[in-house]
Amino acid sequence: MRVLTTWNKIYAFKLMTPENTLSEMNNIRENLQEKIIGLVKEELGVEIKEKEIEIAHKIGQTRRSQNKPRAVIIKFLSNKSKVQLLSKRKLLKGKSIAIMEDMASDLAKRLKKLKDKSSVEKAWFVNGKIRFIQRGDTGIQELRGWNHLSNIA
């Protein structure tokens, strides 16, 4: 599975696809952008224009010994483009492609710790914020920081 990530917390996302979908290229950004645009149109039915993408590139190292594909990170010029794709990512369920928002390592650590709490039923990251639902509660709460995290059972 390959991840396409967007960086710039608000305007970015990750895309994970099988290696043969976005095959290794000689760092030719135009080709990568064209492949991303085609993949998004084919899989999600969303047409994005090349001018909407500020930059797109693969992240991580190529390892010939592993058949593990590299993630792609995309930075959009507007939040509208990113949100449009993220809203359609449910269509990828069961496929070997995933789209997710990129998050800073600090936020990823908070989300993991929150998910490990026994009182938390569900936790997720959306639009730069960590949200969660506690067991026995129907209201969605927003994590406000490390101090808030320590107050949750």
N, C-alpha and C. Protein backbone atom coordinates (compact mmCIF):
# COMPACT_ATOMS: atom_id res chain seq x y z
N MET A 1 0.85 -1.18 0.00
CA MET A 1 0.00 0.00 0.00
C MET A 1 0.89 1.23 0.00
N ARG A 2 0.49 2.26 -0.67
CA ARG A 2 1.24 3.49 -0.78
C ARG A 2 0.44 4.61 -0.17
N VAL A 3 1.11 5.57 0.41
CA VAL A 3 0.42 6.70 1.02
C VAL A 3 0.75 7.97 0.29
N LEU A 4 -0.25 8.74 0.02
CA LEU A 4 -0.06 10.06 -0.55
C LEU A 4 -0.31 11.03 0.58
N THR A 5 0.66 11.83 0.91
CA THR A 5 0.53 12.71 2.05
C THR A 5 0.53 14.14 1.61
N THR A 6 -0.17 14.93 2.35
CA THR A 6 -0.11 16.34 2.06
C THR A 6 0.63 17.00 3.19
N TRP A 7 1.51 17.87 2.88
CA TRP A 7 2.20 18.54 3.94
C TRP A 7 1.74 19.97 3.96
N ASN A 8 2.13 20.71 4.96
CA ASN A 8 1.61 22.05 5.21
C ASN A 8 0.29 21.85 5.92
N LYS A 9 0.31 21.17 7.01
CA LYS A 9 -0.80 20.75 7.84
C LYS A 9 -2.19 20.96 7.25
N ILE A 10 -2.45 22.10 6.66
CA ILE A 10 -3.79 22.38 6.19
C ILE A 10 -3.99 21.96 4.75
N TYR A 11 -3.01 22.12 3.92
CA TYR A 11 -3.22 21.92 2.50
C TYR A 11 -2.61 20.65 1.94
N ALA A 12 -2.23 19.72 2.80
CA ALA A 12 -1.51 18.56 2.29
C ALA A 12 -2.20 17.25 2.63
N PHE A 13 -1.85 16.19 1.93
CA PHE A 13 -2.34 14.86 2.25
C PHE A 13 -1.37 13.81 1.73
N LYS A 14 -1.51 12.57 2.18
CA LYS A 14 -0.65 11.46 1.75
C LYS A 14 -1.46 10.53 0.86
N LEU A 15 -0.82 9.98 -0.11
CA LEU A 15 -1.45 8.99 -0.98
C LEU A 15 -0.63 7.73 -0.96
N MET A 16 -1.26 6.62 -0.66
CA MET A 16 -0.57 5.34 -0.69
C MET A 16 -1.18 4.52 -1.81
N THR A 17 -0.34 4.05 -2.72
CA THR A 17 -0.83 3.23 -3.83
C THR A 17 0.13 2.07 -4.04
N PRO A 18 -0.31 1.07 -4.77
CA PRO A 18 0.64 0.00 -5.12
C PRO A 18 1.76 0.59 -5.96
N GLU A 19 2.94 0.03 -5.85
CA GLU A 19 4.11 0.57 -6.54
C GLU A 19 3.88 0.69 -8.04
N ASN A 20 3.14 -0.23 -8.63
CA ASN A 20 2.95 -0.18 -10.08
C ASN A 20 2.01 0.95 -10.49
N THR A 21 1.21 1.49 -9.56
CA THR A 21 0.31 2.59 -9.90
C THR A 21 1.08 3.89 -10.08
N LEU A 22 1.95 4.17 -9.15
CA LEU A 22 2.82 5.35 -9.27
C LEU A 22 4.25 4.82 -9.29
N SER A 23 4.65 4.28 -10.42
CA SER A 23 5.95 3.63 -10.52
C SER A 23 7.07 4.62 -10.25
N GLU A 24 8.20 4.06 -9.83
CA GLU A 24 9.35 4.90 -9.55
C GLU A 24 9.75 5.68 -10.80
N MET A 25 9.90 6.97 -10.65
CA MET A 25 10.31 7.80 -11.78
C MET A 25 11.61 8.49 -11.42
N ASN A 26 12.24 9.07 -12.39
CA ASN A 26 13.50 9.75 -12.19
C ASN A 26 13.28 11.16 -11.66
N ASN A 27 12.48 11.28 -10.60
CA ASN A 27 12.18 12.56 -9.96
C ASN A 27 11.69 13.62 -10.94
N ILE A 28 10.87 13.21 -11.90
CA ILE A 28 10.28 14.16 -12.84
C ILE A 28 8.93 14.56 -12.26
N ARG A 29 8.86 15.72 -11.64
CA ARG A 29 7.65 16.13 -10.93
C ARG A 29 6.43 16.19 -11.85
N GLU A 30 6.63 16.64 -13.08
CA GLU A 30 5.50 16.76 -13.99
C GLU A 30 4.85 15.39 -14.20
N ASN A 31 5.66 14.35 -14.40
CA ASN A 31 5.12 13.01 -14.58
C ASN A 31 4.39 12.55 -13.34
N LEU A 32 4.94 12.79 -12.18
CA LEU A 32 4.32 12.39 -10.93
C LEU A 32 2.98 13.11 -10.77
N GLN A 33 2.97 14.40 -11.03
CA GLN A 33 1.72 15.16 -10.92
C GLN A 33 0.68 14.64 -11.90
N GLU A 34 1.09 14.35 -13.12
CA GLU A 34 0.15 13.83 -14.12
C GLU A 34 -0.42 12.49 -13.67
N LYS A 35 0.43 11.62 -13.10
CA LYS A 35 -0.03 10.32 -12.63
C LYS A 35 -1.01 10.48 -11.46
N ILE A 36 -0.72 11.42 -10.56
CA ILE A 36 -1.60 11.67 -9.43
C ILE A 36 -2.95 12.17 -9.92
N ILE A 37 -2.93 13.12 -10.85
CA ILE A 37 -4.17 13.67 -11.39
C ILE A 37 -5.00 12.57 -12.05
N GLY A 38 -4.35 11.69 -12.82
CA GLY A 38 -5.05 10.58 -13.46
C GLY A 38 -5.62 9.59 -12.45
N LEU A 39 -4.83 9.27 -11.44
CA LEU A 39 -5.26 8.33 -10.42
C LEU A 39 -6.47 8.87 -9.64
N VAL A 40 -6.42 10.13 -9.28
CA VAL A 40 -7.50 10.76 -8.53
C VAL A 40 -8.78 10.80 -9.36
N LYS A 41 -8.63 11.10 -10.64
CA LYS A 41 -9.81 11.15 -11.53
C LYS A 41 -10.41 9.76 -11.69
N GLU A 42 -9.55 8.76 -11.89
CA GLU A 42 -10.01 7.39 -12.12
C GLU A 42 -10.64 6.78 -10.87
N GLU A 43 -10.00 6.94 -9.72
CA GLU A 43 -10.45 6.28 -8.50
C GLU A 43 -11.53 7.05 -7.74
N LEU A 44 -11.48 8.39 -7.80
CA LEU A 44 -12.41 9.19 -7.00
C LEU A 44 -13.39 10.00 -7.83
N GLY A 45 -13.14 10.08 -9.13
CA GLY A 45 -14.01 10.88 -9.98
C GLY A 45 -13.85 12.37 -9.76
N VAL A 46 -12.70 12.78 -9.23
CA VAL A 46 -12.43 14.19 -8.95
C VAL A 46 -11.40 14.70 -9.94
N GLU A 47 -11.70 15.80 -10.59
CA GLU A 47 -10.76 16.39 -11.52
C GLU A 47 -10.01 17.52 -10.82
N ILE A 48 -8.70 17.33 -10.68
CA ILE A 48 -7.87 18.41 -10.15
C ILE A 48 -6.95 18.84 -11.29
N LYS A 49 -6.61 20.10 -11.27
CA LYS A 49 -5.74 20.65 -12.31
C LYS A 49 -4.32 20.73 -11.78
N GLU A 50 -3.39 20.63 -12.69
CA GLU A 50 -1.98 20.68 -12.32
C GLU A 50 -1.65 21.99 -11.59
N LYS A 51 -2.31 23.07 -11.97
CA LYS A 51 -2.02 24.36 -11.34
C LYS A 51 -2.51 24.43 -9.88
N GLU A 52 -3.36 23.46 -9.46
CA GLU A 52 -3.82 23.41 -8.07
C GLU A 52 -2.78 22.79 -7.13
N ILE A 53 -1.80 22.08 -7.72
CA ILE A 53 -0.76 21.41 -6.94
C ILE A 53 0.47 22.29 -6.89
N GLU A 54 0.85 22.68 -5.68
CA GLU A 54 2.07 23.49 -5.54
C GLU A 54 3.30 22.62 -5.73
N ILE A 55 3.29 21.45 -5.07
CA ILE A 55 4.41 20.53 -5.20
C ILE A 55 3.94 19.12 -4.84
N ALA A 56 4.55 18.13 -5.46
CA ALA A 56 4.27 16.73 -5.16
C ALA A 56 5.57 15.96 -5.31
N HIS A 57 5.88 15.15 -4.32
CA HIS A 57 7.08 14.32 -4.41
C HIS A 57 6.96 13.11 -3.51
N LYS A 58 7.79 12.12 -3.78
CA LYS A 58 7.81 10.91 -2.97
C LYS A 58 8.61 11.17 -1.71
N ILE A 59 8.26 10.45 -0.64
CA ILE A 59 8.99 10.60 0.61
C ILE A 59 9.55 9.25 1.03
N GLY A 60 10.58 9.28 1.82
CA GLY A 60 11.23 8.05 2.27
C GLY A 60 12.27 7.59 1.27
N GLN A 61 12.99 6.57 1.68
CA GLN A 61 14.06 6.04 0.84
C GLN A 61 13.57 4.87 0.01
N THR A 62 14.16 4.72 -1.16
CA THR A 62 13.89 3.55 -1.99
C THR A 62 14.74 2.41 -1.46
N ARG A 63 14.11 1.30 -1.17
CA ARG A 63 14.84 0.14 -0.70
C ARG A 63 14.60 -1.00 -1.67
N ARG A 64 15.64 -1.37 -2.37
CA ARG A 64 15.50 -2.43 -3.38
C ARG A 64 15.20 -3.78 -2.74
N SER A 65 15.64 -3.96 -1.48
CA SER A 65 15.44 -5.25 -0.82
C SER A 65 13.98 -5.45 -0.38
N GLN A 66 13.24 -4.35 -0.22
CA GLN A 66 11.85 -4.45 0.19
C GLN A 66 10.95 -4.05 -0.97
N ASN A 67 9.82 -4.66 -1.05
CA ASN A 67 8.86 -4.32 -2.08
C ASN A 67 7.86 -3.29 -1.55
N LYS A 68 8.30 -2.46 -0.66
CA LYS A 68 7.42 -1.49 -0.01
C LYS A 68 7.41 -0.19 -0.82
N PRO A 69 6.22 0.23 -1.27
CA PRO A 69 6.14 1.46 -2.04
C PRO A 69 6.37 2.70 -1.17
N ARG A 70 6.80 3.76 -1.81
CA ARG A 70 7.03 5.02 -1.09
C ARG A 70 5.77 5.87 -1.13
N ALA A 71 5.58 6.62 -0.07
CA ALA A 71 4.44 7.54 0.00
C ALA A 71 4.72 8.76 -0.87
N VAL A 72 3.67 9.41 -1.27
CA VAL A 72 3.76 10.65 -2.04
C VAL A 72 3.13 11.74 -1.19
N ILE A 73 3.77 12.87 -1.13
CA ILE A 73 3.21 14.00 -0.39
C ILE A 73 2.87 15.10 -1.38
N ILE A 74 1.71 15.69 -1.18
CA ILE A 74 1.23 16.72 -2.10
C ILE A 74 0.86 17.96 -1.30
N LYS A 75 1.30 19.10 -1.80
CA LYS A 75 0.93 20.37 -1.19
C LYS A 75 0.07 21.12 -2.20
N PHE A 76 -1.14 21.46 -1.79
CA PHE A 76 -2.06 22.18 -2.66
C PHE A 76 -1.97 23.68 -2.43
N LEU A 77 -2.37 24.43 -3.42
CA LEU A 77 -2.40 25.88 -3.29
C LEU A 77 -3.59 26.34 -2.45
N SER A 78 -4.65 25.52 -2.42
CA SER A 78 -5.82 25.91 -1.62
C SER A 78 -6.31 24.74 -0.78
N ASN A 79 -6.93 25.07 0.31
CA ASN A 79 -7.51 24.06 1.19
C ASN A 79 -8.70 23.37 0.51
N LYS A 80 -9.37 24.08 -0.38
CA LYS A 80 -10.55 23.55 -1.07
C LYS A 80 -10.21 22.27 -1.84
N SER A 81 -9.09 22.26 -2.53
CA SER A 81 -8.67 21.08 -3.30
C SER A 81 -8.42 19.90 -2.38
N LYS A 82 -7.75 20.15 -1.27
CA LYS A 82 -7.45 19.08 -0.32
C LYS A 82 -8.73 18.50 0.27
N VAL A 83 -9.61 19.36 0.72
CA VAL A 83 -10.86 18.92 1.34
C VAL A 83 -11.71 18.13 0.36
N GLN A 84 -11.70 18.54 -0.90
CA GLN A 84 -12.47 17.85 -1.93
C GLN A 84 -12.00 16.39 -2.05
N LEU A 85 -10.69 16.17 -2.03
CA LEU A 85 -10.16 14.81 -2.12
C LEU A 85 -10.40 14.02 -0.84
N LEU A 86 -10.17 14.65 0.30
CA LEU A 86 -10.35 13.96 1.57
C LEU A 86 -11.80 13.52 1.77
N SER A 87 -12.74 14.31 1.27
CA SER A 87 -14.15 13.96 1.44
C SER A 87 -14.54 12.73 0.62
N LYS A 88 -13.78 12.41 -0.40
CA LYS A 88 -14.08 11.27 -1.27
C LYS A 88 -13.26 10.02 -0.93
N ARG A 89 -12.38 10.10 0.05
CA ARG A 89 -11.47 8.98 0.31
C ARG A 89 -12.18 7.71 0.76
N LYS A 90 -13.42 7.81 1.20
CA LYS A 90 -14.19 6.62 1.59
C LYS A 90 -14.36 5.67 0.40
N LEU A 91 -14.34 6.21 -0.80
CA LEU A 91 -14.48 5.39 -2.01
C LEU A 91 -13.30 4.43 -2.20
N LEU A 92 -12.21 4.67 -1.49
CA LEU A 92 -11.01 3.85 -1.63
C LEU A 92 -10.99 2.67 -0.66
N LYS A 93 -12.01 2.56 0.21
CA LYS A 93 -12.05 1.47 1.18
C LYS A 93 -11.99 0.12 0.46
N GLY A 94 -11.11 -0.74 0.94
CA GLY A 94 -10.94 -2.05 0.34
C GLY A 94 -9.99 -2.08 -0.84
N LYS A 95 -9.49 -0.92 -1.24
CA LYS A 95 -8.53 -0.85 -2.34
C LYS A 95 -7.12 -0.69 -1.76
N SER A 96 -6.13 -0.81 -2.60
CA SER A 96 -4.74 -0.70 -2.12
C SER A 96 -4.23 0.73 -2.18
N ILE A 97 -5.14 1.68 -2.12
CA ILE A 97 -4.78 3.10 -2.13
C ILE A 97 -5.38 3.75 -0.90
N ALA A 98 -4.65 4.63 -0.28
CA ALA A 98 -5.16 5.37 0.88
C ALA A 98 -4.77 6.83 0.77
N ILE A 99 -5.65 7.69 1.22
CA ILE A 99 -5.37 9.12 1.28
C ILE A 99 -5.56 9.56 2.71
N MET A 100 -4.61 10.28 3.25
CA MET A 100 -4.71 10.75 4.62
C MET A 100 -4.05 12.11 4.76
N GLU A 101 -4.49 12.82 5.78
CA GLU A 101 -3.86 14.10 6.06
C GLU A 101 -2.50 13.86 6.69
N ASP A 102 -1.57 14.70 6.38
CA ASP A 102 -0.25 14.63 6.99
C ASP A 102 -0.34 15.32 8.34
N MET A 103 0.28 14.74 9.35
CA MET A 103 0.28 15.39 10.66
C MET A 103 1.68 15.38 11.26
N ALA A 104 1.96 16.39 12.03
CA ALA A 104 3.26 16.49 12.70
C ALA A 104 3.43 15.31 13.65
N SER A 105 4.68 14.92 13.89
CA SER A 105 4.93 13.76 14.75
C SER A 105 4.37 13.96 16.16
N ASP A 106 4.36 15.19 16.65
CA ASP A 106 3.81 15.47 17.97
C ASP A 106 2.31 15.14 18.01
N LEU A 107 1.60 15.52 16.98
CA LEU A 107 0.17 15.22 16.90
C LEU A 107 -0.07 13.72 16.76
N ALA A 108 0.78 13.04 15.99
CA ALA A 108 0.65 11.60 15.84
C ALA A 108 0.83 10.89 17.18
N LYS A 109 1.78 11.36 18.00
CA LYS A 109 2.00 10.78 19.33
C LYS A 109 0.79 11.00 20.22
N ARG A 110 0.23 12.21 20.17
CA ARG A 110 -0.97 12.49 20.97
C ARG A 110 -2.13 11.60 20.56
N LEU A 111 -2.33 11.46 19.26
CA LEU A 111 -3.44 10.63 18.76
C LEU A 111 -3.26 9.18 19.22
N LYS A 112 -2.05 8.67 19.14
CA LYS A 112 -1.80 7.29 19.57
C LYS A 112 -2.08 7.12 21.06
N LYS A 113 -1.59 8.05 21.88
CA LYS A 113 -1.83 7.97 23.32
C LYS A 113 -3.32 8.06 23.64
N LEU A 114 -4.02 8.90 22.91
CA LEU A 114 -5.46 9.05 23.11
C LEU A 114 -6.19 7.76 22.76
N LYS A 115 -5.81 7.14 21.64
CA LYS A 115 -6.44 5.88 21.23
C LYS A 115 -6.17 4.75 22.22
N ASP A 116 -5.05 4.82 22.94
CA ASP A 116 -4.70 3.80 23.92
C ASP A 116 -5.48 3.94 25.23
N LYS A 117 -6.13 5.06 25.44
CA LYS A 117 -6.91 5.29 26.67
C LYS A 117 -8.15 4.40 26.66
N SER A 118 -8.41 3.73 27.77
CA SER A 118 -9.55 2.81 27.83
C SER A 118 -10.90 3.54 27.78
N SER A 119 -10.94 4.79 28.17
CA SER A 119 -12.20 5.53 28.17
C SER A 119 -12.54 6.12 26.81
N VAL A 120 -11.62 6.02 25.86
CA VAL A 120 -11.84 6.60 24.54
C VAL A 120 -12.36 5.53 23.59
N GLU A 121 -13.54 5.76 23.04
CA GLU A 121 -14.15 4.81 22.12
C GLU A 121 -13.60 4.97 20.71
N LYS A 122 -13.41 6.23 20.29
CA LYS A 122 -12.98 6.50 18.93
C LYS A 122 -12.18 7.80 18.92
N ALA A 123 -11.10 7.85 18.14
CA ALA A 123 -10.29 9.06 18.02
C ALA A 123 -9.79 9.17 16.59
N TRP A 124 -9.72 10.40 16.06
CA TRP A 124 -9.30 10.61 14.68
C TRP A 124 -8.70 11.99 14.52
N PHE A 125 -8.05 12.19 13.38
CA PHE A 125 -7.41 13.45 13.03
C PHE A 125 -8.11 14.01 11.81
N VAL A 126 -8.56 15.25 11.89
CA VAL A 126 -9.23 15.88 10.76
C VAL A 126 -8.94 17.37 10.74
N ASN A 127 -8.54 17.85 9.58
CA ASN A 127 -8.30 19.28 9.35
C ASN A 127 -7.41 19.91 10.42
N GLY A 128 -6.34 19.20 10.78
CA GLY A 128 -5.37 19.74 11.72
C GLY A 128 -5.73 19.59 13.19
N LYS A 129 -6.84 18.90 13.50
CA LYS A 129 -7.28 18.77 14.89
C LYS A 129 -7.53 17.30 15.24
N ILE A 130 -7.31 16.98 16.51
CA ILE A 130 -7.59 15.63 17.00
C ILE A 130 -8.95 15.68 17.70
N ARG A 131 -9.83 14.80 17.26
CA ARG A 131 -11.16 14.73 17.86
C ARG A 131 -11.38 13.32 18.38
N PHE A 132 -12.28 13.20 19.39
CA PHE A 132 -12.53 11.89 19.97
C PHE A 132 -13.91 11.82 20.61
N ILE A 133 -14.35 10.58 20.85
CA ILE A 133 -15.60 10.30 21.56
C ILE A 133 -15.25 9.37 22.70
N GLN A 134 -15.70 9.71 23.90
CA GLN A 134 -15.46 8.85 25.05
C GLN A 134 -16.58 7.82 25.17
N ARG A 135 -16.26 6.67 25.76
CA ARG A 135 -17.26 5.61 25.94
C ARG A 135 -18.43 6.15 26.77
N GLY A 136 -19.62 5.81 26.34
CA GLY A 136 -20.82 6.24 27.07
C GLY A 136 -21.21 7.68 26.80
N ASP A 137 -20.50 8.35 25.88
CA ASP A 137 -20.80 9.74 25.56
C ASP A 137 -21.02 9.83 24.05
N THR A 138 -21.96 10.63 23.63
CA THR A 138 -22.22 10.76 22.20
C THR A 138 -21.61 12.01 21.60
N GLY A 139 -21.13 12.90 22.46
CA GLY A 139 -20.57 14.15 21.97
C GLY A 139 -19.13 14.04 21.51
N ILE A 140 -18.81 14.74 20.44
CA ILE A 140 -17.44 14.78 19.92
C ILE A 140 -16.68 15.87 20.67
N GLN A 141 -15.48 15.51 21.15
CA GLN A 141 -14.63 16.46 21.85
C GLN A 141 -13.36 16.69 21.04
N GLU A 142 -12.71 17.80 21.33
CA GLU A 142 -11.47 18.13 20.64
C GLU A 142 -10.34 18.15 21.66
N LEU A 143 -9.24 17.47 21.33
CA LEU A 143 -8.08 17.44 22.22
C LEU A 143 -7.38 18.79 22.16
N ARG A 144 -7.14 19.38 23.30
CA ARG A 144 -6.58 20.73 23.36
C ARG A 144 -5.09 20.77 23.68
N GLY A 145 -4.47 19.63 23.94
CA GLY A 145 -3.04 19.62 24.21
C GLY A 145 -2.67 18.50 25.16
N TRP A 146 -1.37 18.45 25.53
CA TRP A 146 -0.88 17.39 26.40
C TRP A 146 -1.56 17.42 27.75
N ASN A 147 -1.84 18.60 28.30
CA ASN A 147 -2.51 18.69 29.60
C ASN A 147 -3.90 18.09 29.54
N HIS A 148 -4.63 18.38 28.49
CA HIS A 148 -5.96 17.81 28.31
C HIS A 148 -5.88 16.29 28.21
N LEU A 149 -4.86 15.79 27.52
CA LEU A 149 -4.68 14.36 27.37
C LEU A 149 -4.46 13.68 28.70
N SER A 150 -3.70 14.31 29.59
CA SER A 150 -3.43 13.70 30.90
C SER A 150 -4.66 13.67 31.80
N ASN A 151 -5.66 14.50 31.50
CA ASN A 151 -6.89 14.53 32.30
C ASN A 151 -7.92 13.49 31.85
N ILE A 152 -7.66 12.81 30.76
CA ILE A 152 -8.58 11.80 30.24
C ILE A 152 -8.16 10.45 30.79
N ALA A 153 -9.14 9.73 31.36
CA ALA A 153 -8.84 8.42 31.99
C ALA A 153 -8.41 7.39 30.99
